[in-house]
Amino acid sequence: MENKNIEAQVVKHLKNILDGSLCCKATGDGYVIEIYADYNDKLSDTSIRKIFEAACPKEGFFDVVTNLYEYADECEHSEIIRQIEAKFDDDEQGIYFTDHKDFIRDWVYENVYTIIPYSHYENMNVYINIIVDAGDANYDFALNNLFNFYRNSEPVINNESSLVWLIRQQGYADRTIELFLNKRTTFKSKFLKSVLEESENTSSSMNALTFMIKLPLIKAIELVEYVKAGEGNIRLSQKSTCGLYDAWYGSTGLLDIALKKDVVLPVKLIDSVLPDGMRGHGIADIAGLCRSEWHDNCVSWKTAG
């Protein structure tokens, strides 16, 4: 009975402070504190990588953001308790805060909920590099050196080269590829010419075929979960920024392969999906690129159901 009286006093005092400086309001299930993010608040690349590499990226996202606001949550609850304490001290009911502080504190934590601004972070843009591995990761991606001075022998059609895979995927037959590799015949193809120029303008030996994509974080998490499932394909738009990227030595090609059509990339050929700079040297730092080179609306996939 005594606890009921104390609870009634807490509720009365809480209602009296709802119009104060606290972002607190009553709901059908209790009371909520709404915490707002600053317009410029962003998750760090390290936090995003932690989310992407979690066993369940969506759960990883909620864990990261919840931990980010742990101190703010504690401060808001402490402020409510402080204001309730002040109201008790001014009350004339003969019930004193110090006599029931543990009960009051527990009641506040059980009945006042925090709304964390998850949606603010779900909508932040992330700049992702999708690295392709058709088998060339086993060769440190050196199989993509089709024309530059790091080539140790005459070029051949190597089935484990991601760049050869891309040429085939864009619709070119092996006979055409042989002439392209051995005689640099581009057949007036804008795509083959761009592959030739991309290859000739690399300055290191470990160049991975890479697509540069911009996505809201929540969509990027869905993509990562789809890729982790290990089945299916993703579709990369013809307008995607695509080229050769060496994250280890820190160099790139021109990053200007002119795709002939959309790329249908099997998930099993994806080496990694990570924010730029989270796989060695970042492309933006290496090539001095603006984030506008990472295009949005360039990737799509289907999930079961």
Protein backbone atom coordinates (compact mmCIF):
# COMPACT_ATOMS: atom_id res chain seq x y z
CA MET A 1 0.00 0.00 0.00
CA GLU A 2 2.85 2.35 0.86
CA ASN A 3 4.49 1.72 -2.52
CA LYS A 4 1.22 2.57 -4.26
CA ASN A 5 1.13 5.90 -2.42
CA ILE A 6 4.74 6.62 -3.38
CA GLU A 7 4.05 5.64 -6.98
CA ALA A 8 1.06 7.99 -7.06
CA GLN A 9 3.26 10.81 -5.83
CA VAL A 10 5.93 10.02 -8.44
CA VAL A 11 3.32 10.04 -11.23
CA LYS A 12 1.87 13.32 -9.98
CA HIS A 13 5.28 14.99 -9.86
CA LEU A 14 6.30 13.51 -13.21
CA LYS A 15 3.19 14.98 -14.85
CA ASN A 16 4.06 18.36 -13.39
CA ILE A 17 7.50 18.36 -15.00
CA LEU A 18 6.48 17.08 -18.44
CA ASP A 19 6.18 20.64 -19.72
CA GLY A 20 9.65 21.52 -18.47
CA SER A 21 12.98 21.29 -20.28
CA LEU A 22 12.93 17.48 -20.54
CA CYS A 23 11.89 15.88 -23.83
CA CYS A 24 9.54 13.62 -21.91
CA LYS A 25 5.91 12.79 -22.66
CA ALA A 26 3.23 10.39 -21.49
CA THR A 27 2.20 7.37 -23.58
CA GLY A 28 -0.21 4.50 -23.09
CA ASP A 29 2.61 2.32 -21.75
CA GLY A 30 4.31 4.86 -19.55
CA TYR A 31 6.54 7.80 -20.34
CA VAL A 32 9.15 8.34 -23.03
CA ILE A 33 12.21 10.55 -23.32
CA GLU A 34 13.05 11.47 -26.89
CA ILE A 35 16.73 12.06 -27.53
CA TYR A 36 17.56 14.04 -30.65
CA ALA A 37 20.65 13.67 -32.83
CA ASP A 38 22.49 16.69 -34.11
CA TYR A 39 22.21 17.23 -37.87
CA ASN A 40 25.96 16.56 -38.21
CA ASP A 41 26.07 13.42 -36.05
CA LYS A 42 27.46 10.47 -38.01
CA LEU A 43 28.73 7.01 -37.19
CA SER A 44 32.46 6.60 -37.65
CA ASP A 45 33.84 4.30 -40.34
CA THR A 46 35.09 2.03 -37.57
CA SER A 47 31.56 1.74 -36.16
CA ILE A 48 30.16 1.01 -39.61
CA ARG A 49 32.76 -1.68 -40.17
CA LYS A 50 31.83 -3.22 -36.80
CA ILE A 51 28.19 -3.28 -37.96
CA PHE A 52 29.04 -4.80 -41.36
CA GLU A 53 31.23 -7.50 -39.83
CA ALA A 54 28.74 -8.49 -37.11
CA ALA A 55 27.15 -11.94 -37.39
CA CYS A 56 23.82 -10.11 -37.79
CA PRO A 57 24.54 -6.59 -39.14
CA LYS A 58 21.07 -5.29 -38.28
CA GLU A 59 21.51 -6.29 -34.64
CA GLY A 60 25.02 -4.88 -34.78
CA PHE A 61 23.57 -1.54 -35.88
CA PHE A 62 21.19 -1.35 -32.91
CA ASP A 63 23.97 -2.38 -30.51
CA VAL A 64 26.35 0.30 -31.82
CA VAL A 65 23.80 3.14 -31.72
CA THR A 66 22.38 2.08 -28.34
CA ASN A 67 25.88 2.10 -26.84
CA LEU A 68 26.47 5.50 -28.41
CA TYR A 69 23.56 6.93 -26.41
CA GLU A 70 24.14 5.02 -23.18
CA TYR A 71 25.52 8.08 -21.39
CA ALA A 72 22.77 10.36 -22.73
CA ASP A 73 20.15 7.85 -21.56
CA GLU A 74 21.67 7.80 -18.08
CA CYS A 75 21.78 11.60 -17.96
CA GLU A 76 18.12 11.96 -18.97
CA HIS A 77 16.93 9.47 -16.36
CA SER A 78 19.12 11.07 -13.71
CA GLU A 79 17.67 14.49 -14.53
CA ILE A 80 14.11 13.20 -14.19
CA ILE A 81 14.96 11.64 -10.83
CA ARG A 82 16.58 14.90 -9.72
CA GLN A 83 13.48 16.91 -10.63
CA ILE A 84 11.19 14.40 -8.94
CA GLU A 85 13.35 14.64 -5.82
CA ALA A 86 12.93 18.43 -5.82
CA LYS A 87 9.15 18.04 -6.09
CA PHE A 88 9.10 15.58 -3.16
CA ASP A 89 11.09 17.99 -1.01
CA ASP A 90 8.51 20.73 -1.69
CA ASP A 91 5.54 18.42 -1.08
CA GLU A 92 3.52 18.56 2.10
CA GLN A 93 2.36 14.91 2.10
CA GLY A 94 4.98 13.84 4.59
CA ILE A 95 6.61 11.43 2.12
CA TYR A 96 10.32 12.10 1.75
CA PHE A 97 12.43 11.18 -1.26
CA THR A 98 15.42 9.97 0.76
CA ASP A 99 13.27 7.37 2.49
CA HIS A 100 12.21 5.79 -0.82
CA LYS A 101 14.94 6.74 -3.29
CA ASP A 102 15.70 3.15 -4.41
CA PHE A 103 12.05 2.41 -5.13
CA ILE A 104 11.62 5.72 -6.99
CA ARG A 105 14.78 5.22 -9.03
CA ASP A 106 13.72 1.69 -10.03
CA TRP A 107 10.23 2.91 -10.93
CA VAL A 108 11.60 5.66 -13.18
CA TYR A 109 13.91 3.26 -15.04
CA GLU A 110 11.09 0.74 -15.50
CA ASN A 111 8.43 3.20 -16.63
CA VAL A 112 10.30 5.95 -18.47
CA TYR A 113 11.62 4.73 -21.82
CA THR A 114 14.24 6.31 -24.03
CA ILE A 115 13.65 6.89 -27.73
CA ILE A 116 17.05 6.76 -29.40
CA PRO A 117 17.32 8.44 -32.86
CA TYR A 118 18.02 5.25 -34.80
CA SER A 119 16.38 6.62 -37.95
CA HIS A 120 18.89 9.49 -38.09
CA TYR A 121 21.71 6.99 -38.49
CA GLU A 122 19.73 4.63 -40.70
CA ASN A 123 19.44 7.42 -43.27
CA MET A 124 23.08 8.56 -43.24
CA ASN A 125 24.92 7.90 -46.49
CA VAL A 126 27.75 5.40 -46.57
CA TYR A 127 30.30 5.15 -49.39
CA ILE A 128 30.94 1.52 -50.16
CA ASN A 129 33.54 -0.32 -52.21
CA ILE A 130 32.37 -3.68 -53.56
CA ILE A 131 35.47 -5.72 -54.39
CA VAL A 132 35.10 -8.60 -56.85
CA ASP A 133 36.97 -11.89 -56.53
CA ALA A 134 36.58 -14.37 -59.40
CA GLY A 135 39.47 -16.38 -57.92
CA ASP A 136 42.16 -13.73 -58.26
CA ALA A 137 42.31 -12.99 -54.52
CA ASN A 138 44.39 -16.17 -54.29
CA TYR A 139 46.93 -14.37 -56.51
CA ASP A 140 46.78 -11.04 -54.64
CA PHE A 141 44.62 -9.74 -57.50
CA ALA A 142 47.68 -9.72 -59.80
CA LEU A 143 45.67 -11.53 -62.50
CA ASN A 144 43.97 -8.25 -63.34
CA ASN A 145 47.22 -6.84 -64.72
CA LEU A 146 46.28 -7.43 -68.33
CA PHE A 147 48.41 -4.76 -69.98
CA ASN A 148 50.54 -2.81 -67.53
CA PHE A 149 54.27 -3.23 -66.98
CA TYR A 150 53.71 -5.68 -64.10
CA ARG A 151 52.59 -8.33 -66.56
CA ASN A 152 55.20 -11.11 -66.63
CA SER A 153 54.06 -12.94 -69.76
CA GLU A 154 51.82 -12.62 -72.78
CA PRO A 155 48.24 -11.97 -71.71
CA VAL A 156 45.94 -14.97 -71.71
CA ILE A 157 42.31 -15.53 -70.89
CA ASN A 158 42.50 -16.39 -67.21
CA ASN A 159 39.21 -17.58 -65.77
CA GLU A 160 40.22 -16.38 -62.31
CA SER A 161 40.71 -12.78 -63.39
CA SER A 162 37.82 -10.57 -62.30
CA LEU A 163 38.56 -8.22 -65.18
CA VAL A 164 38.26 -11.09 -67.68
CA TRP A 165 35.03 -12.11 -65.94
CA LEU A 166 33.68 -8.58 -66.38
CA ILE A 167 34.55 -8.51 -70.10
CA ARG A 168 32.68 -11.76 -70.59
CA GLN A 169 29.77 -10.53 -68.52
CA GLN A 170 29.50 -7.47 -70.72
CA GLY A 171 28.86 -9.77 -73.67
CA TYR A 172 32.23 -10.39 -75.35
CA ALA A 173 33.18 -13.81 -76.70
CA ASP A 174 36.54 -15.45 -75.96
CA ARG A 175 37.78 -14.93 -79.53
CA THR A 176 37.22 -11.19 -79.17
CA ILE A 177 38.91 -11.24 -75.78
CA GLU A 178 41.95 -13.05 -77.24
CA LEU A 179 42.39 -10.36 -79.91
CA PHE A 180 41.87 -7.68 -77.29
CA LEU A 181 44.50 -9.14 -74.95
CA ASN A 182 47.12 -10.02 -77.57
CA LYS A 183 46.70 -7.24 -80.13
CA ARG A 184 44.89 -4.61 -78.06
CA THR A 185 42.11 -4.60 -80.61
CA THR A 186 39.17 -2.75 -79.11
CA PHE A 187 36.77 -3.12 -82.08
CA LYS A 188 35.74 0.53 -81.55
CA SER A 189 34.16 -0.57 -78.29
CA LYS A 190 34.01 2.22 -75.71
CA PHE A 191 33.97 -0.42 -72.98
CA LEU A 192 37.05 -2.33 -74.22
CA LYS A 193 38.91 0.92 -74.79
CA SER A 194 38.16 1.97 -71.21
CA VAL A 195 39.37 -1.42 -69.88
CA LEU A 196 42.60 -1.00 -71.84
CA GLU A 197 43.12 2.53 -70.49
CA GLU A 198 42.25 1.41 -66.97
CA SER A 199 44.81 -1.40 -67.12
CA GLU A 200 47.54 0.75 -68.67
CA ASN A 201 47.14 3.41 -65.98
CA THR A 202 47.63 1.26 -62.89
CA SER A 203 50.89 1.77 -61.02
CA SER A 204 51.01 -1.32 -58.82
CA SER A 205 50.47 -5.06 -59.06
CA MET A 206 47.54 -5.88 -56.73
CA ASN A 207 44.55 -4.34 -58.46
CA ALA A 208 41.07 -5.56 -57.57
CA LEU A 209 38.02 -4.90 -59.71
CA THR A 210 35.92 -2.53 -57.60
CA PHE A 211 32.49 -0.89 -57.79
CA MET A 212 31.84 2.32 -55.85
CA ILE A 213 28.31 2.68 -54.46
CA LYS A 214 26.49 5.14 -52.19
CA LEU A 215 23.64 3.85 -50.00
CA PRO A 216 21.69 4.89 -46.89
CA LEU A 217 23.12 2.88 -44.01
CA ILE A 218 19.94 0.84 -43.51
CA LYS A 219 20.02 -0.26 -47.18
CA ALA A 220 23.75 -0.96 -46.94
CA ILE A 221 23.06 -3.23 -43.95
CA GLU A 222 20.42 -5.09 -45.98
CA LEU A 223 22.93 -5.50 -48.81
CA VAL A 224 25.59 -6.84 -46.45
CA GLU A 225 23.11 -9.32 -44.95
CA TYR A 226 22.13 -10.45 -48.44
CA VAL A 227 25.78 -10.95 -49.39
CA LYS A 228 26.50 -12.81 -46.14
CA ALA A 229 23.72 -15.27 -47.01
CA GLY A 230 25.98 -16.38 -49.87
CA GLU A 231 23.38 -16.94 -52.58
CA GLY A 232 21.87 -14.95 -55.43
CA ASN A 233 23.06 -11.95 -57.44
CA ILE A 234 23.24 -8.21 -57.12
CA ARG A 235 22.68 -5.89 -60.07
CA LEU A 236 25.05 -2.96 -60.51
CA SER A 237 23.89 -0.15 -62.76
CA GLN A 238 25.68 0.74 -65.97
CA LYS A 239 26.31 4.19 -64.48
CA SER A 240 28.28 2.75 -61.54
CA THR A 241 31.81 4.00 -60.98
CA CYS A 242 34.03 1.01 -61.68
CA GLY A 243 37.75 0.40 -61.96
CA LEU A 244 40.92 -1.12 -60.54
CA TYR A 245 41.88 -0.42 -56.93
CA ASP A 246 44.92 -1.45 -54.91
CA ALA A 247 44.01 -1.01 -51.24
CA TRP A 248 47.32 -2.43 -50.04
CA TYR A 249 49.94 -0.30 -51.83
CA GLY A 250 47.52 2.62 -52.18
CA SER A 251 46.93 3.17 -55.88
CA THR A 252 44.15 3.01 -58.46
CA GLY A 253 43.59 3.03 -62.19
CA LEU A 254 41.49 5.75 -63.76
CA LEU A 255 38.35 4.32 -62.08
CA ASP A 256 36.59 5.01 -65.35
CA ILE A 257 35.56 1.70 -66.94
CA ALA A 258 32.62 2.55 -69.22
CA LEU A 259 30.18 -0.28 -68.69
CA LYS A 260 28.22 -1.39 -71.73
CA LYS A 261 25.28 -2.65 -69.67
CA ASP A 262 24.27 -3.40 -66.09
CA VAL A 263 26.46 -5.91 -64.27
CA VAL A 264 24.84 -8.98 -62.72
CA LEU A 265 27.33 -9.98 -60.04
CA PRO A 266 26.93 -13.33 -58.25
CA VAL A 267 27.22 -12.94 -54.49
CA LYS A 268 29.78 -15.78 -54.46
CA LEU A 269 32.16 -13.53 -56.45
CA ILE A 270 32.06 -10.69 -53.90
CA ASP A 271 35.26 -10.44 -51.87
CA SER A 272 34.09 -7.66 -49.54
CA VAL A 273 31.51 -4.91 -49.05
CA LEU A 274 33.08 -2.23 -46.84
CA PRO A 275 33.12 1.56 -46.42
CA ASP A 276 35.84 3.30 -48.37
CA GLY A 277 39.01 3.32 -46.29
CA MET A 278 38.09 0.25 -44.26
CA ARG A 279 40.04 -2.11 -46.53
CA GLY A 280 43.51 -0.60 -46.46
CA HIS A 281 43.99 2.77 -48.14
CA GLY A 282 40.78 4.52 -49.17
CA ILE A 283 40.03 5.43 -52.76
CA ALA A 284 39.06 8.99 -51.81
CA ASP A 285 42.46 9.54 -50.18
CA ILE A 286 44.44 7.80 -52.91
CA ALA A 287 42.82 9.46 -55.91
CA GLY A 288 41.58 12.65 -54.26
CA LEU A 289 38.01 11.91 -55.35
CA CYS A 290 34.89 13.70 -54.18
CA ARG A 291 32.13 11.58 -52.69
CA SER A 292 30.02 12.37 -55.76
CA GLU A 293 31.95 9.56 -57.53
CA TRP A 294 30.06 7.07 -55.35
CA HIS A 295 26.68 6.99 -57.08
CA ASP A 296 23.35 6.18 -55.47
CA ASN A 297 20.52 4.07 -56.94
CA CYS A 298 23.18 1.87 -58.57
CA VAL A 299 22.71 -1.44 -56.80
CA SER A 300 19.70 -3.71 -56.38
CA TRP A 301 19.02 -7.22 -55.13
CA LYS A 302 16.11 -9.44 -54.18
CA THR A 303 15.56 -11.13 -50.86
CA ALA A 304 13.62 -14.32 -50.29
CA GLY A 305 9.90 -13.79 -49.78
